[in-house]
């Protein structure tokens, strides 16, 4: 990533919590005039958050659906 900058103003808040999720708001500011650079910076921040979680033995839960197929009744 070239010429990217993240300001020192970060806001991290625990917005909401329930038995199935924790909603954490990460609010920060970046500066870029190049869209690809901005996307790379955003991706970098997300990967860093994922790394922090992994390093602390935490992870993400993704929604899942189980589909069961009935056996044909003849």
PDB file of N, CA and C in Angstrom:
ATOM      1  N   UNK A   1       0.850  -1.172   0.000  1.00  0.00           N
ATOM      2  CA  UNK A   1       0.000   0.000   0.000  1.00  0.00           C
ATOM      3  C   UNK A   1       0.895   1.234   0.000  1.00  0.00           C
ATOM      4  N   UNK A   2       0.660   2.062  -0.954  1.00  0.00           N
ATOM      5  CA  UNK A   2       1.491   3.245  -1.084  1.00  0.00           C
ATOM      6  C   UNK A   2       0.736   4.492  -0.618  1.00  0.00           C
ATOM      7  N   UNK A   3       1.431   5.350   0.035  1.00  0.00           N
ATOM      8  CA  UNK A   3       0.925   6.678   0.387  1.00  0.00           C
ATOM      9  C   UNK A   3      -0.417   6.659   1.105  1.00  0.00           C
ATOM     10  N   UNK A   4      -0.600   5.751   2.017  1.00  0.00           N
ATOM     11  CA  UNK A   4      -1.838   5.748   2.786  1.00  0.00           C
ATOM     12  C   UNK A   4      -1.555   6.269   4.179  1.00  0.00           C
ATOM     13  N   UNK A   5      -2.566   6.848   4.747  1.00  0.00           N
ATOM     14  CA  UNK A   5      -2.411   7.456   6.063  1.00  0.00           C
ATOM     15  C   UNK A   5      -3.684   7.242   6.855  1.00  0.00           C
ATOM     16  N   UNK A   6      -3.545   6.816   8.083  1.00  0.00           N
ATOM     17  CA  UNK A   6      -4.677   6.715   8.995  1.00  0.00           C
ATOM     18  C   UNK A   6      -4.443   7.707  10.111  1.00  0.00           C
ATOM     19  N   UNK A   7      -5.413   8.533  10.380  1.00  0.00           N
ATOM     20  CA  UNK A   7      -5.243   9.530  11.425  1.00  0.00           C
ATOM     21  C   UNK A   7      -5.228   8.857  12.789  1.00  0.00           C
ATOM     22  N   UNK A   8      -4.818   9.576  13.783  1.00  0.00           N
ATOM     23  CA  UNK A   8      -4.745   9.014  15.139  1.00  0.00           C
ATOM     24  C   UNK A   8      -6.097   9.049  15.846  1.00  0.00           C
ATOM     25  N   UNK A   9      -7.132   9.492  15.171  1.00  0.00           N
ATOM     26  CA  UNK A   9      -8.459   9.555  15.793  1.00  0.00           C
ATOM     27  C   UNK A   9      -9.232   8.288  15.499  1.00  0.00           C
ATOM     28  N   UNK A  10      -9.244   7.395  16.459  1.00  0.00           N
ATOM     29  CA  UNK A  10      -9.981   6.139  16.376  1.00  0.00           C
ATOM     30  C   UNK A  10     -11.069   6.162  17.431  1.00  0.00           C
ATOM     31  N   UNK A  11     -12.223   5.651  17.081  1.00  0.00           N
ATOM     32  CA  UNK A  11     -13.299   5.502  18.041  1.00  0.00           C
ATOM     33  C   UNK A  11     -13.760   4.050  17.969  1.00  0.00           C
ATOM     34  N   UNK A  12     -13.702   3.355  19.065  1.00  0.00           N
ATOM     35  CA  UNK A  12     -14.141   1.971  19.125  1.00  0.00           C
ATOM     36  C   UNK A  12     -15.153   1.858  20.251  1.00  0.00           C
ATOM     37  N   UNK A  13     -16.360   1.442  19.898  1.00  0.00           N
ATOM     38  CA  UNK A  13     -17.445   1.369  20.875  1.00  0.00           C
ATOM     39  C   UNK A  13     -18.136   0.015  20.813  1.00  0.00           C
ATOM     40  N   UNK A  14     -18.475  -0.515  21.954  1.00  0.00           N
ATOM     41  CA  UNK A  14     -19.328  -1.694  22.035  1.00  0.00           C
ATOM     42  C   UNK A  14     -20.754  -1.170  21.928  1.00  0.00           C
ATOM     43  N   UNK A  15     -21.349  -1.320  20.756  1.00  0.00           N
ATOM     44  CA  UNK A  15     -22.667  -0.736  20.510  1.00  0.00           C
ATOM     45  C   UNK A  15     -23.800  -1.563  21.069  1.00  0.00           C
ATOM     46  N   UNK A  16     -23.699  -2.891  20.909  1.00  0.00           N
ATOM     47  CA  UNK A  16     -24.817  -3.737  21.309  1.00  0.00           C
ATOM     48  C   UNK A  16     -24.306  -5.152  21.540  1.00  0.00           C
ATOM     49  N   UNK A  17     -24.986  -5.865  22.431  1.00  0.00           N
ATOM     50  CA  UNK A  17     -24.563  -7.219  22.720  1.00  0.00           C
ATOM     51  C   UNK A  17     -25.790  -8.067  23.029  1.00  0.00           C
ATOM     52  N   UNK A  18     -25.779  -9.290  22.503  1.00  0.00           N
ATOM     53  CA  UNK A  18     -26.859 -10.232  22.804  1.00  0.00           C
ATOM     54  C   UNK A  18     -26.259 -11.626  22.917  1.00  0.00           C
ATOM     55  N   UNK A  19     -27.110 -12.641  23.065  1.00  0.00           N
ATOM     56  CA  UNK A  19     -26.585 -13.999  23.190  1.00  0.00           C
ATOM     57  C   UNK A  19     -26.047 -14.535  21.870  1.00  0.00           C
ATOM     58  N   UNK A  20     -26.375 -13.887  20.753  1.00  0.00           N
ATOM     59  CA  UNK A  20     -25.906 -14.387  19.464  1.00  0.00           C
ATOM     60  C   UNK A  20     -24.890 -13.478  18.759  1.00  0.00           C
ATOM     61  N   UNK A  21     -24.681 -12.270  19.235  1.00  0.00           N
ATOM     62  CA  UNK A  21     -23.710 -11.407  18.568  1.00  0.00           C
ATOM     63  C   UNK A  21     -23.212 -10.289  19.488  1.00  0.00           C
ATOM     64  N   UNK A  22     -22.092  -9.719  19.077  1.00  0.00           N
ATOM     65  CA  UNK A  22     -21.557  -8.507  19.692  1.00  0.00           C
ATOM     66  C   UNK A  22     -21.339  -7.515  18.550  1.00  0.00           C
ATOM     67  N   UNK A  23     -21.936  -6.347  18.660  1.00  0.00           N
ATOM     68  CA  UNK A  23     -21.808  -5.311  17.631  1.00  0.00           C
ATOM     69  C   UNK A  23     -20.787  -4.286  18.114  1.00  0.00           C
ATOM     70  N   UNK A  24     -19.638  -4.260  17.436  1.00  0.00           N
ATOM     71  CA  UNK A  24     -18.570  -3.322  17.794  1.00  0.00           C
ATOM     72  C   UNK A  24     -18.416  -2.330  16.652  1.00  0.00           C
ATOM     73  N   UNK A  25     -18.443  -1.055  16.968  1.00  0.00           N
ATOM     74  CA  UNK A  25     -18.255  -0.004  15.979  1.00  0.00           C
ATOM     75  C   UNK A  25     -16.799   0.446  16.004  1.00  0.00           C
ATOM     76  N   UNK A  26     -16.139   0.328  14.859  1.00  0.00           N
ATOM     77  CA  UNK A  26     -14.775   0.850  14.697  1.00  0.00           C
ATOM     78  C   UNK A  26     -14.900   2.017  13.740  1.00  0.00           C
ATOM     79  N   UNK A  27     -14.609   3.199  14.227  1.00  0.00           N
ATOM     80  CA  UNK A  27     -14.805   4.426  13.462  1.00  0.00           C
ATOM     81  C   UNK A  27     -13.465   5.133  13.376  1.00  0.00           C
ATOM     82  N   UNK A  28     -12.931   5.235  12.168  1.00  0.00           N
ATOM     83  CA  UNK A  28     -11.645   5.912  11.995  1.00  0.00           C
ATOM     84  C   UNK A  28     -11.671   6.699  10.693  1.00  0.00           C
ATOM     85  N   UNK A  29     -10.692   7.521  10.508  1.00  0.00           N
ATOM     86  CA  UNK A  29     -10.632   8.382   9.342  1.00  0.00           C
ATOM     87  C   UNK A  29      -9.367   8.086   8.552  1.00  0.00           C
ATOM     88  N   UNK A  30      -9.490   8.112   7.250  1.00  0.00           N
ATOM     89  CA  UNK A  30      -8.346   7.913   6.374  1.00  0.00           C
ATOM     90  C   UNK A  30      -8.322   9.005   5.327  1.00  0.00           C
ATOM     91  N   UNK A  31      -7.195   9.096   4.645  1.00  0.00           N
ATOM     92  CA  UNK A  31      -7.068  10.128   3.630  1.00  0.00           C
ATOM     93  C   UNK A  31      -6.438   9.510   2.388  1.00  0.00           C
ATOM     94  N   UNK A  32      -7.151   9.558   1.283  1.00  0.00           N
ATOM     95  CA  UNK A  32      -6.621   9.031   0.031  1.00  0.00           C
ATOM     96  C   UNK A  32      -7.392   9.645  -1.125  1.00  0.00           C
ATOM     97  N   UNK A  33      -6.711   9.902  -2.217  1.00  0.00           N
ATOM     98  CA  UNK A  33      -7.371  10.408  -3.418  1.00  0.00           C
ATOM     99  C   UNK A  33      -7.515   9.296  -4.462  1.00  0.00           C
ATOM    100  N   UNK A  34      -7.022   8.132  -4.137  1.00  0.00           N
ATOM    101  CA  UNK A  34      -7.045   6.990  -5.050  1.00  0.00           C
ATOM    102  C   UNK A  34      -7.985   5.926  -4.488  1.00  0.00           C
ATOM    103  N   UNK A  35      -9.036   5.587  -5.238  1.00  0.00           N
ATOM    104  CA  UNK A  35     -10.042   4.640  -4.767  1.00  0.00           C
ATOM    105  C   UNK A  35      -9.425   3.281  -4.452  1.00  0.00           C
ATOM    106  N   UNK A  36      -8.541   2.772  -5.316  1.00  0.00           N
ATOM    107  CA  UNK A  36      -7.889   1.492  -5.057  1.00  0.00           C
ATOM    108  C   UNK A  36      -7.073   1.536  -3.778  1.00  0.00           C
ATOM    109  N   UNK A  37      -6.417   2.646  -3.540  1.00  0.00           N
ATOM    110  CA  UNK A  37      -5.634   2.817  -2.323  1.00  0.00           C
ATOM    111  C   UNK A  37      -6.553   2.817  -1.102  1.00  0.00           C
ATOM    112  N   UNK A  38      -7.688   3.475  -1.218  1.00  0.00           N
ATOM    113  CA  UNK A  38      -8.645   3.523  -0.113  1.00  0.00           C
ATOM    114  C   UNK A  38      -9.157   2.121   0.213  1.00  0.00           C
ATOM    115  N   UNK A  39      -9.503   1.355  -0.827  1.00  0.00           N
ATOM    116  CA  UNK A  39      -9.984  -0.005  -0.607  1.00  0.00           C
ATOM    117  C   UNK A  39      -8.901  -0.883   0.028  1.00  0.00           C
ATOM    118  N   UNK A  40      -7.659  -0.726  -0.414  1.00  0.00           N
ATOM    119  CA  UNK A  40      -6.548  -1.495   0.162  1.00  0.00           C
ATOM    120  C   UNK A  40      -6.358  -1.151   1.636  1.00  0.00           C
ATOM    121  N   UNK A  41      -6.501   0.124   1.970  1.00  0.00           N
ATOM    122  CA  UNK A  41      -6.357   0.566   3.360  1.00  0.00           C
ATOM    123  C   UNK A  41      -7.485  -0.012   4.215  1.00  0.00           C
ATOM    124  N   UNK A  42      -8.705   0.046   3.702  1.00  0.00           N
ATOM    125  CA  UNK A  42      -9.856  -0.497   4.415  1.00  0.00           C
ATOM    126  C   UNK A  42      -9.681  -1.998   4.648  1.00  0.00           C
ATOM    127  N   UNK A  43      -9.233  -2.706   3.621  1.00  0.00           N
ATOM    128  CA  UNK A  43      -8.984  -4.137   3.742  1.00  0.00           C
ATOM    129  C   UNK A  43      -7.891  -4.416   4.781  1.00  0.00           C
ATOM    130  N   UNK A  44      -6.844  -3.619   4.769  1.00  0.00           N
ATOM    131  CA  UNK A  44      -5.749  -3.770   5.734  1.00  0.00           C
ATOM    132  C   UNK A  44      -6.263  -3.640   7.168  1.00  0.00           C
ATOM    133  N   UNK A  45      -7.121  -2.658   7.409  1.00  0.00           N
ATOM    134  CA  UNK A  45      -7.676  -2.444   8.750  1.00  0.00           C
ATOM    135  C   UNK A  45      -8.516  -3.656   9.172  1.00  0.00           C
ATOM    136  N   UNK A  46      -9.338  -4.163   8.261  1.00  0.00           N
ATOM    137  CA  UNK A  46     -10.167  -5.326   8.579  1.00  0.00           C
ATOM    138  C   UNK A  46      -9.292  -6.536   8.893  1.00  0.00           C
ATOM    139  N   UNK A  47      -8.243  -6.761   8.092  1.00  0.00           N
ATOM    140  CA  UNK A  47      -7.338  -7.883   8.371  1.00  0.00           C
ATOM    141  C   UNK A  47      -6.633  -7.721   9.712  1.00  0.00           C
ATOM    142  N   UNK A  48      -6.301  -6.502  10.081  1.00  0.00           N
ATOM    143  CA  UNK A  48      -5.661  -6.272  11.378  1.00  0.00           C
ATOM    144  C   UNK A  48      -6.615  -6.587  12.525  1.00  0.00           C
ATOM    145  N   UNK A  49      -7.888  -6.235  12.355  1.00  0.00           N
ATOM    146  CA  UNK A  49      -8.898  -6.569  13.367  1.00  0.00           C
ATOM    147  C   UNK A  49      -9.020  -8.086  13.482  1.00  0.00           C
ATOM    148  N   UNK A  50      -9.053  -8.776  12.335  1.00  0.00           N
ATOM    149  CA  UNK A  50      -9.133 -10.230  12.350  1.00  0.00           C
ATOM    150  C   UNK A  50      -7.914 -10.849  13.033  1.00  0.00           C
ATOM    151  N   UNK A  51      -6.744 -10.272  12.803  1.00  0.00           N
ATOM    152  CA  UNK A  51      -5.520 -10.775  13.427  1.00  0.00           C
ATOM    153  C   UNK A  51      -5.569 -10.597  14.943  1.00  0.00           C
ATOM    154  N   UNK A  52      -6.052  -9.452  15.405  1.00  0.00           N
ATOM    155  CA  UNK A  52      -6.183  -9.208  16.851  1.00  0.00           C
ATOM    156  C   UNK A  52      -7.103 -10.257  17.468  1.00  0.00           C
ATOM    157  N   UNK A  53      -8.226 -10.536  16.809  1.00  0.00           N
ATOM    158  CA  UNK A  53      -9.154 -11.547  17.320  1.00  0.00           C
ATOM    159  C   UNK A  53      -8.488 -12.921  17.366  1.00  0.00           C
ATOM    160  N   UNK A  54      -7.826 -13.305  16.276  1.00  0.00           N
ATOM    161  CA  UNK A  54      -7.169 -14.613  16.219  1.00  0.00           C
ATOM    162  C   UNK A  54      -6.094 -14.734  17.290  1.00  0.00           C
ATOM    163  N   UNK A  55      -5.294 -13.695  17.471  1.00  0.00           N
ATOM    164  CA  UNK A  55      -4.223 -13.702  18.477  1.00  0.00           C
ATOM    165  C   UNK A  55      -4.775 -13.863  19.891  1.00  0.00           C
ATOM    166  N   UNK A  56      -6.044 -13.504  20.082  1.00  0.00           N
ATOM    167  CA  UNK A  56      -6.688 -13.621  21.388  1.00  0.00           C
ATOM    168  C   UNK A  56      -7.666 -14.797  21.437  1.00  0.00           C
ATOM    169  N   UNK A  57      -7.479 -15.719  20.499  1.00  0.00           N
ATOM    170  CA  UNK A  57      -8.274 -16.951  20.438  1.00  0.00           C
ATOM    171  C   UNK A  57      -9.765 -16.677  20.289  1.00  0.00           C
ATOM    172  N   UNK A  58     -10.084 -15.670  19.484  1.00  0.00           N
ATOM    173  CA  UNK A  58     -11.466 -15.316  19.183  1.00  0.00           C
ATOM    174  C   UNK A  58     -11.671 -15.417  17.680  1.00  0.00           C
ATOM    175  N   UNK A  59     -12.901 -15.365  17.247  1.00  0.00           N
ATOM    176  CA  UNK A  59     -13.168 -15.436  15.817  1.00  0.00           C
ATOM    177  C   UNK A  59     -14.540 -14.910  15.486  1.00  0.00           C
ATOM    178  N   UNK A  60     -14.897 -15.024  14.230  1.00  0.00           N
ATOM    179  CA  UNK A  60     -16.183 -14.569  13.742  1.00  0.00           C
ATOM    180  C   UNK A  60     -17.126 -15.752  13.602  1.00  0.00           C
ATOM    181  N   UNK A  61     -18.386 -15.539  13.869  1.00  0.00           N
ATOM    182  CA  UNK A  61     -19.410 -16.540  13.616  1.00  0.00           C
ATOM    183  C   UNK A  61     -20.196 -16.068  12.396  1.00  0.00           C
ATOM    184  N   UNK A  62     -20.359 -16.957  11.461  1.00  0.00           N
ATOM    185  CA  UNK A  62     -21.076 -16.616  10.243  1.00  0.00           C
ATOM    186  C   UNK A  62     -22.434 -17.311  10.239  1.00  0.00           C
ATOM    187  N   UNK A  63     -23.458 -16.653   9.712  1.00  0.00           N
ATOM    188  CA  UNK A  63     -24.774 -17.287   9.663  1.00  0.00           C
ATOM    189  C   UNK A  63     -24.726 -18.550   8.795  1.00  0.00           C
ATOM    190  N   UNK A  64     -25.407 -19.580   9.228  1.00  0.00           N
ATOM    191  CA  UNK A  64     -25.458 -20.819   8.452  1.00  0.00           C
ATOM    192  C   UNK A  64     -26.891 -21.311   8.356  1.00  0.00           C
ATOM    193  N   UNK A  65     -27.134 -22.123   7.359  1.00  0.00           N
ATOM    194  CA  UNK A  65     -28.439 -22.749   7.157  1.00  0.00           C
ATOM    195  C   UNK A  65     -28.189 -24.223   6.854  1.00  0.00           C
ATOM    196  N   UNK A  66     -28.952 -25.086   7.482  1.00  0.00           N
ATOM    197  CA  UNK A  66     -28.864 -26.514   7.197  1.00  0.00           C
ATOM    198  C   UNK A  66     -30.066 -26.908   6.363  1.00  0.00           C
ATOM    199  N   UNK A  67     -29.797 -27.536   5.234  1.00  0.00           N
ATOM    200  CA  UNK A  67     -30.865 -27.995   4.345  1.00  0.00           C
ATOM    201  C   UNK A  67     -30.832 -29.512   4.353  1.00  0.00           C
ATOM    202  N   UNK A  68     -31.964 -30.102   4.691  1.00  0.00           N
ATOM    203  CA  UNK A  68     -32.060 -31.563   4.716  1.00  0.00           C
ATOM    204  C   UNK A  68     -32.983 -32.021   3.599  1.00  0.00           C
ATOM    205  N   UNK A  69     -32.520 -33.005   2.869  1.00  0.00           N
ATOM    206  CA  UNK A  69     -33.320 -33.548   1.778  1.00  0.00           C
ATOM    207  C   UNK A  69     -33.982 -34.832   2.253  1.00  0.00           C
ATOM    208  N   UNK A  70     -35.303 -34.886   2.092  1.00  0.00           N
ATOM    209  CA  UNK A  70     -36.037 -36.090   2.464  1.00  0.00           C
ATOM    210  C   UNK A  70     -35.770 -37.189   1.453  1.00  0.00           C
ATOM    211  N   UNK A  71     -35.725 -38.408   1.943  1.00  0.00           N
ATOM    212  CA  UNK A  71     -35.583 -39.544   1.041  1.00  0.00           C
ATOM    213  C   UNK A  71     -36.887 -39.717   0.288  1.00  0.00           C
ATOM    214  N   UNK A  72     -36.758 -40.085  -0.977  1.00  0.00           N
ATOM    215  CA  UNK A  72     -37.969 -40.293  -1.809  1.00  0.00           C
ATOM    216  C   UNK A  72     -38.841 -41.380  -1.206  1.00  0.00           C
ATOM    217  N   UNK A  73     -40.111 -41.116  -1.135  1.00  0.00           N
ATOM    218  CA  UNK A  73     -41.071 -42.101  -0.649  1.00  0.00           C
ATOM    219  C   UNK A  73     -41.746 -42.745  -1.849  1.00  0.00           C
ATOM    220  N   UNK A  74     -41.540 -44.040  -2.023  1.00  0.00           N
ATOM    221  CA  UNK A  74     -42.103 -44.746  -3.185  1.00  0.00           C
ATOM    222  C   UNK A  74     -43.271 -45.602  -2.764  1.00  0.00           C
TER     223      UNK A  74
END
